[in-house]
N, C-alpha and C. Protein backbone atom coordinates (compact mmCIF):
# COMPACT_ATOMS: atom_id res chain seq x y z
N MET A 1 -195.62 -55.22 -191.25
CA MET A 1 -194.29 -55.70 -191.00
C MET A 1 -194.37 -56.96 -190.14
N LYS A 2 -193.63 -57.94 -190.53
CA LYS A 2 -193.59 -59.19 -189.76
C LYS A 2 -192.57 -59.07 -188.63
N LYS A 3 -192.99 -59.50 -187.45
CA LYS A 3 -192.09 -59.55 -186.29
C LYS A 3 -192.33 -60.84 -185.54
N ARG A 4 -191.31 -61.26 -184.86
CA ARG A 4 -191.39 -62.48 -184.04
C ARG A 4 -192.13 -62.14 -182.75
N ILE A 5 -193.19 -62.88 -182.45
CA ILE A 5 -193.95 -62.66 -181.22
C ILE A 5 -194.06 -63.97 -180.43
N ILE A 6 -194.37 -63.82 -179.17
CA ILE A 6 -194.61 -64.98 -178.30
C ILE A 6 -196.02 -64.82 -177.73
N ARG A 7 -196.83 -65.84 -177.92
CA ARG A 7 -198.19 -65.84 -177.36
C ARG A 7 -198.24 -66.82 -176.20
N PHE A 8 -198.82 -66.36 -175.11
CA PHE A 8 -198.95 -67.19 -173.92
C PHE A 8 -200.39 -67.66 -173.79
N TYR A 9 -200.57 -68.95 -173.75
CA TYR A 9 -201.88 -69.56 -173.57
C TYR A 9 -201.91 -70.26 -172.22
N LYS A 10 -203.06 -70.74 -171.84
CA LYS A 10 -203.21 -71.39 -170.54
C LYS A 10 -202.28 -72.59 -170.38
N ASN A 11 -202.18 -73.41 -171.44
CA ASN A 11 -201.42 -74.65 -171.34
C ASN A 11 -200.14 -74.69 -172.17
N HIS A 12 -199.88 -73.63 -172.94
CA HIS A 12 -198.67 -73.66 -173.77
C HIS A 12 -198.27 -72.24 -174.21
N ILE A 13 -197.08 -72.20 -174.77
CA ILE A 13 -196.54 -70.95 -175.32
C ILE A 13 -196.31 -71.18 -176.80
N GLU A 14 -196.64 -70.18 -177.60
CA GLU A 14 -196.46 -70.29 -179.05
C GLU A 14 -195.59 -69.13 -179.53
N GLU A 15 -194.55 -69.43 -180.30
CA GLU A 15 -193.70 -68.41 -180.89
C GLU A 15 -193.87 -68.45 -182.40
N ARG A 16 -194.11 -67.27 -183.01
CA ARG A 16 -194.31 -67.24 -184.45
C ARG A 16 -194.12 -65.82 -184.97
N ASP A 17 -194.04 -65.70 -186.30
CA ASP A 17 -194.00 -64.40 -186.95
C ASP A 17 -195.42 -63.93 -187.17
N ASP A 18 -195.67 -62.65 -186.91
CA ASP A 18 -197.01 -62.10 -187.07
C ASP A 18 -196.91 -60.67 -187.60
N ASP A 19 -197.98 -60.23 -188.25
CA ASP A 19 -198.02 -58.86 -188.76
C ASP A 19 -198.21 -57.89 -187.60
N ILE A 20 -197.37 -56.88 -187.55
CA ILE A 20 -197.44 -55.87 -186.51
C ILE A 20 -197.57 -54.50 -187.19
N ILE A 21 -198.54 -53.72 -186.76
CA ILE A 21 -198.72 -52.37 -187.29
C ILE A 21 -197.78 -51.44 -186.53
N GLU A 22 -197.04 -50.64 -187.29
CA GLU A 22 -196.11 -49.71 -186.67
C GLU A 22 -196.61 -48.28 -186.86
N GLU A 23 -196.59 -47.52 -185.78
CA GLU A 23 -196.99 -46.12 -185.80
C GLU A 23 -195.82 -45.27 -185.32
N SER A 24 -195.80 -44.03 -185.77
CA SER A 24 -194.74 -43.11 -185.37
C SER A 24 -195.31 -41.71 -185.21
N TRP A 25 -194.61 -40.92 -184.41
CA TRP A 25 -194.94 -39.50 -184.30
C TRP A 25 -194.57 -38.83 -185.61
N ILE A 26 -195.40 -37.90 -186.05
CA ILE A 26 -195.10 -37.12 -187.25
C ILE A 26 -195.43 -35.66 -186.98
N THR A 27 -194.65 -34.80 -187.59
CA THR A 27 -194.90 -33.36 -187.57
C THR A 27 -195.17 -32.93 -189.00
N ILE A 28 -196.22 -32.12 -189.19
CA ILE A 28 -196.50 -31.56 -190.51
C ILE A 28 -196.20 -30.07 -190.44
N ASN A 29 -195.33 -29.63 -191.34
CA ASN A 29 -194.97 -28.22 -191.45
C ASN A 29 -195.40 -27.70 -192.81
N ILE A 30 -196.00 -26.51 -192.81
CA ILE A 30 -196.26 -25.80 -194.05
C ILE A 30 -195.36 -24.57 -194.02
N LYS A 31 -194.44 -24.51 -194.96
CA LYS A 31 -193.45 -23.42 -195.00
C LYS A 31 -192.82 -23.21 -193.63
N ASP A 32 -192.35 -24.27 -193.03
CA ASP A 32 -191.65 -24.25 -191.73
C ASP A 32 -192.54 -23.86 -190.55
N ASN A 33 -193.85 -23.81 -190.72
CA ASN A 33 -194.78 -23.57 -189.62
C ASN A 33 -195.48 -24.87 -189.26
N GLN A 34 -195.32 -25.31 -188.02
CA GLN A 34 -195.94 -26.56 -187.61
C GLN A 34 -197.46 -26.41 -187.54
N VAL A 35 -198.17 -27.32 -188.23
CA VAL A 35 -199.63 -27.30 -188.22
C VAL A 35 -200.22 -28.56 -187.59
N PHE A 36 -199.37 -29.58 -187.35
CA PHE A 36 -199.88 -30.82 -186.76
C PHE A 36 -198.72 -31.60 -186.16
N ARG A 37 -199.02 -32.27 -185.05
CA ARG A 37 -198.10 -33.24 -184.44
C ARG A 37 -198.96 -34.35 -183.89
N GLY A 38 -198.72 -35.58 -184.33
CA GLY A 38 -199.51 -36.71 -183.87
C GLY A 38 -198.92 -38.03 -184.32
N ILE A 39 -199.66 -39.09 -184.07
CA ILE A 39 -199.20 -40.44 -184.39
C ILE A 39 -199.96 -40.96 -185.61
N VAL A 40 -199.20 -41.52 -186.57
CA VAL A 40 -199.81 -42.07 -187.78
C VAL A 40 -199.12 -43.39 -188.14
N LEU A 41 -199.74 -44.15 -189.03
CA LEU A 41 -199.14 -45.38 -189.53
C LEU A 41 -197.94 -45.04 -190.41
N ASP A 42 -196.86 -45.77 -190.24
CA ASP A 42 -195.65 -45.50 -191.00
C ASP A 42 -195.86 -45.62 -192.51
N GLU A 43 -196.67 -46.58 -192.94
CA GLU A 43 -196.85 -46.82 -194.37
C GLU A 43 -197.74 -45.79 -195.03
N ALA A 44 -198.43 -44.96 -194.28
CA ALA A 44 -199.45 -44.09 -194.86
C ALA A 44 -199.21 -42.61 -194.60
N ILE A 45 -197.97 -42.21 -194.39
CA ILE A 45 -197.70 -40.83 -194.01
C ILE A 45 -198.14 -39.84 -195.08
N GLU A 46 -197.77 -40.06 -196.34
CA GLU A 46 -198.14 -39.12 -197.40
C GLU A 46 -199.66 -39.02 -197.56
N TYR A 47 -200.36 -40.16 -197.47
CA TYR A 47 -201.82 -40.14 -197.56
C TYR A 47 -202.42 -39.37 -196.39
N PHE A 48 -201.88 -39.58 -195.20
CA PHE A 48 -202.40 -38.88 -194.03
C PHE A 48 -202.20 -37.37 -194.17
N VAL A 49 -201.01 -36.96 -194.59
CA VAL A 49 -200.72 -35.53 -194.72
C VAL A 49 -201.69 -34.89 -195.70
N THR A 50 -201.89 -35.51 -196.85
CA THR A 50 -202.80 -34.96 -197.85
C THR A 50 -204.22 -34.88 -197.30
N GLY A 51 -204.70 -35.94 -196.68
CA GLY A 51 -206.04 -35.93 -196.10
C GLY A 51 -206.20 -34.90 -195.01
N PHE A 52 -205.18 -34.75 -194.17
CA PHE A 52 -205.22 -33.75 -193.10
C PHE A 52 -205.33 -32.35 -193.69
N LEU A 53 -204.51 -32.06 -194.69
CA LEU A 53 -204.54 -30.73 -195.30
C LEU A 53 -205.88 -30.42 -195.94
N ILE A 54 -206.50 -31.43 -196.55
CA ILE A 54 -207.83 -31.23 -197.14
C ILE A 54 -208.87 -31.02 -196.05
N SER A 55 -208.88 -31.89 -195.04
CA SER A 55 -209.92 -31.82 -194.01
C SER A 55 -209.82 -30.56 -193.16
N GLU A 56 -208.62 -30.01 -193.02
CA GLU A 56 -208.44 -28.79 -192.22
C GLU A 56 -208.56 -27.52 -193.05
N GLY A 57 -208.83 -27.66 -194.34
CA GLY A 57 -209.06 -26.49 -195.18
C GLY A 57 -207.82 -25.81 -195.72
N PHE A 58 -206.67 -26.43 -195.59
CA PHE A 58 -205.46 -25.85 -196.15
C PHE A 58 -205.47 -25.94 -197.67
N ILE A 59 -206.04 -27.03 -198.19
CA ILE A 59 -206.11 -27.26 -199.64
C ILE A 59 -207.47 -27.82 -199.99
N LYS A 60 -207.80 -27.75 -201.29
CA LYS A 60 -209.06 -28.34 -201.77
C LYS A 60 -208.83 -29.72 -202.39
N SER A 61 -207.63 -29.93 -202.93
CA SER A 61 -207.28 -31.24 -203.51
C SER A 61 -205.76 -31.42 -203.45
N LYS A 62 -205.31 -32.63 -203.74
CA LYS A 62 -203.87 -32.90 -203.70
C LYS A 62 -203.12 -32.09 -204.75
N ASP A 63 -203.84 -31.61 -205.76
CA ASP A 63 -203.21 -30.79 -206.80
C ASP A 63 -202.76 -29.43 -206.27
N ASP A 64 -203.24 -29.03 -205.08
CA ASP A 64 -202.84 -27.75 -204.47
C ASP A 64 -201.48 -27.85 -203.78
N ILE A 65 -200.91 -29.05 -203.71
CA ILE A 65 -199.61 -29.24 -203.08
C ILE A 65 -198.52 -29.11 -204.14
N GLU A 66 -197.60 -28.17 -203.91
CA GLU A 66 -196.46 -28.04 -204.82
C GLU A 66 -195.42 -29.10 -204.52
N THR A 67 -195.01 -29.23 -203.25
CA THR A 67 -194.08 -30.28 -202.85
C THR A 67 -194.49 -30.84 -201.49
N LEU A 68 -194.23 -32.13 -201.33
CA LEU A 68 -194.45 -32.83 -200.06
C LEU A 68 -193.29 -33.78 -199.88
N SER A 69 -192.47 -33.52 -198.86
CA SER A 69 -191.35 -34.40 -198.58
C SER A 69 -191.41 -34.84 -197.13
N VAL A 70 -191.07 -36.10 -196.90
CA VAL A 70 -191.07 -36.66 -195.55
C VAL A 70 -189.68 -37.19 -195.26
N LYS A 71 -189.08 -36.69 -194.17
CA LYS A 71 -187.76 -37.16 -193.75
C LYS A 71 -187.71 -37.12 -192.23
N ASN A 72 -187.28 -38.22 -191.63
CA ASN A 72 -187.17 -38.32 -190.17
C ASN A 72 -188.49 -37.97 -189.47
N HIS A 73 -189.59 -38.43 -190.04
CA HIS A 73 -190.93 -38.23 -189.48
C HIS A 73 -191.35 -36.77 -189.42
N ILE A 74 -190.81 -35.97 -190.33
CA ILE A 74 -191.24 -34.58 -190.48
C ILE A 74 -191.68 -34.41 -191.93
N ALA A 75 -192.95 -34.00 -192.09
CA ALA A 75 -193.49 -33.76 -193.42
C ALA A 75 -193.42 -32.26 -193.70
N ASN A 76 -192.66 -31.89 -194.71
CA ASN A 76 -192.56 -30.49 -195.12
C ASN A 76 -193.38 -30.30 -196.38
N VAL A 77 -194.28 -29.32 -196.31
CA VAL A 77 -195.21 -29.09 -197.41
C VAL A 77 -195.07 -27.65 -197.91
N ILE A 78 -195.06 -27.50 -199.21
CA ILE A 78 -195.16 -26.18 -199.83
C ILE A 78 -196.40 -26.23 -200.71
N LEU A 79 -197.28 -25.26 -200.50
CA LEU A 79 -198.54 -25.20 -201.24
C LEU A 79 -198.38 -24.31 -202.46
N LYS A 80 -199.19 -24.59 -203.48
CA LYS A 80 -199.17 -23.76 -204.69
C LYS A 80 -199.79 -22.39 -204.43
N ARG A 81 -200.69 -22.32 -203.46
CA ARG A 81 -201.32 -21.05 -203.10
C ARG A 81 -201.36 -20.93 -201.59
N GLU A 82 -201.41 -19.73 -201.12
CA GLU A 82 -201.48 -19.50 -199.68
C GLU A 82 -202.92 -19.60 -199.20
N THR A 83 -203.11 -20.08 -197.98
CA THR A 83 -204.42 -20.06 -197.35
C THR A 83 -204.31 -19.23 -196.09
N SER A 84 -205.34 -18.53 -195.79
CA SER A 84 -205.33 -17.65 -194.63
C SER A 84 -205.78 -18.40 -193.39
N PRO A 85 -204.94 -18.45 -192.35
CA PRO A 85 -205.35 -19.09 -191.10
C PRO A 85 -206.61 -18.44 -190.53
N LYS A 86 -206.75 -17.14 -190.71
CA LYS A 86 -207.93 -16.42 -190.20
C LYS A 86 -209.20 -16.97 -190.85
N ASN A 87 -209.15 -17.21 -192.16
CA ASN A 87 -210.33 -17.75 -192.85
C ASN A 87 -210.69 -19.14 -192.33
N ARG A 88 -209.67 -19.97 -192.07
CA ARG A 88 -209.94 -21.31 -191.55
C ARG A 88 -210.55 -21.22 -190.15
N GLU A 89 -210.02 -20.30 -189.31
CA GLU A 89 -210.55 -20.15 -187.96
C GLU A 89 -211.99 -19.66 -188.00
N ASP A 90 -212.27 -18.67 -188.85
CA ASP A 90 -213.63 -18.15 -188.96
C ASP A 90 -214.59 -19.23 -189.43
N LYS A 91 -214.17 -20.04 -190.40
CA LYS A 91 -215.01 -21.12 -190.91
C LYS A 91 -215.28 -22.13 -189.79
N TYR A 92 -214.25 -22.49 -189.04
CA TYR A 92 -214.41 -23.46 -187.96
C TYR A 92 -215.34 -22.91 -186.88
N LEU A 93 -215.12 -21.67 -186.45
CA LEU A 93 -215.97 -21.08 -185.41
C LEU A 93 -217.42 -20.98 -185.87
N SER A 94 -217.63 -20.66 -187.13
CA SER A 94 -218.98 -20.60 -187.67
C SER A 94 -219.65 -21.96 -187.61
N GLN A 95 -218.92 -23.03 -187.93
CA GLN A 95 -219.47 -24.38 -187.86
C GLN A 95 -219.81 -24.74 -186.42
N VAL A 96 -218.94 -24.39 -185.47
CA VAL A 96 -219.20 -24.69 -184.07
C VAL A 96 -220.43 -23.94 -183.59
N GLU A 97 -220.54 -22.66 -183.93
CA GLU A 97 -221.70 -21.87 -183.52
C GLU A 97 -223.00 -22.46 -184.09
N ASN A 98 -222.97 -22.88 -185.34
CA ASN A 98 -224.16 -23.49 -185.96
C ASN A 98 -224.53 -24.79 -185.27
N ASN A 99 -223.55 -25.58 -184.87
CA ASN A 99 -223.83 -26.85 -184.20
C ASN A 99 -224.37 -26.65 -182.79
N LEU A 100 -224.05 -25.53 -182.17
CA LEU A 100 -224.49 -25.27 -180.79
C LEU A 100 -225.87 -24.62 -180.72
N LYS A 101 -226.37 -24.14 -181.85
CA LYS A 101 -227.70 -23.50 -181.84
C LYS A 101 -228.78 -24.51 -181.49
N ILE A 102 -229.69 -24.08 -180.63
CA ILE A 102 -230.77 -24.98 -180.19
C ILE A 102 -232.02 -24.68 -180.98
């Protein structure tokens, strides 16, 4: 997004339009359960949500998402299949234990 900025230099001031990256707080809900709250780029919310769900083990691919809607910086997701939070926690703890082994 272009915005008007003012740059201050030692001997002069420059005013011009420049590209500014905008970030916003977002909440990700799966079936009305909050699973994430953080800051993301405004232009990439859907990509972030999909990547987050894959990396956290909620889904294996974007095809596992039945619906994804974003309104007022809240992403509501309905999955085609349920995932067990217990299974994700066990998988995560197992990875941590393996990384801590000497």
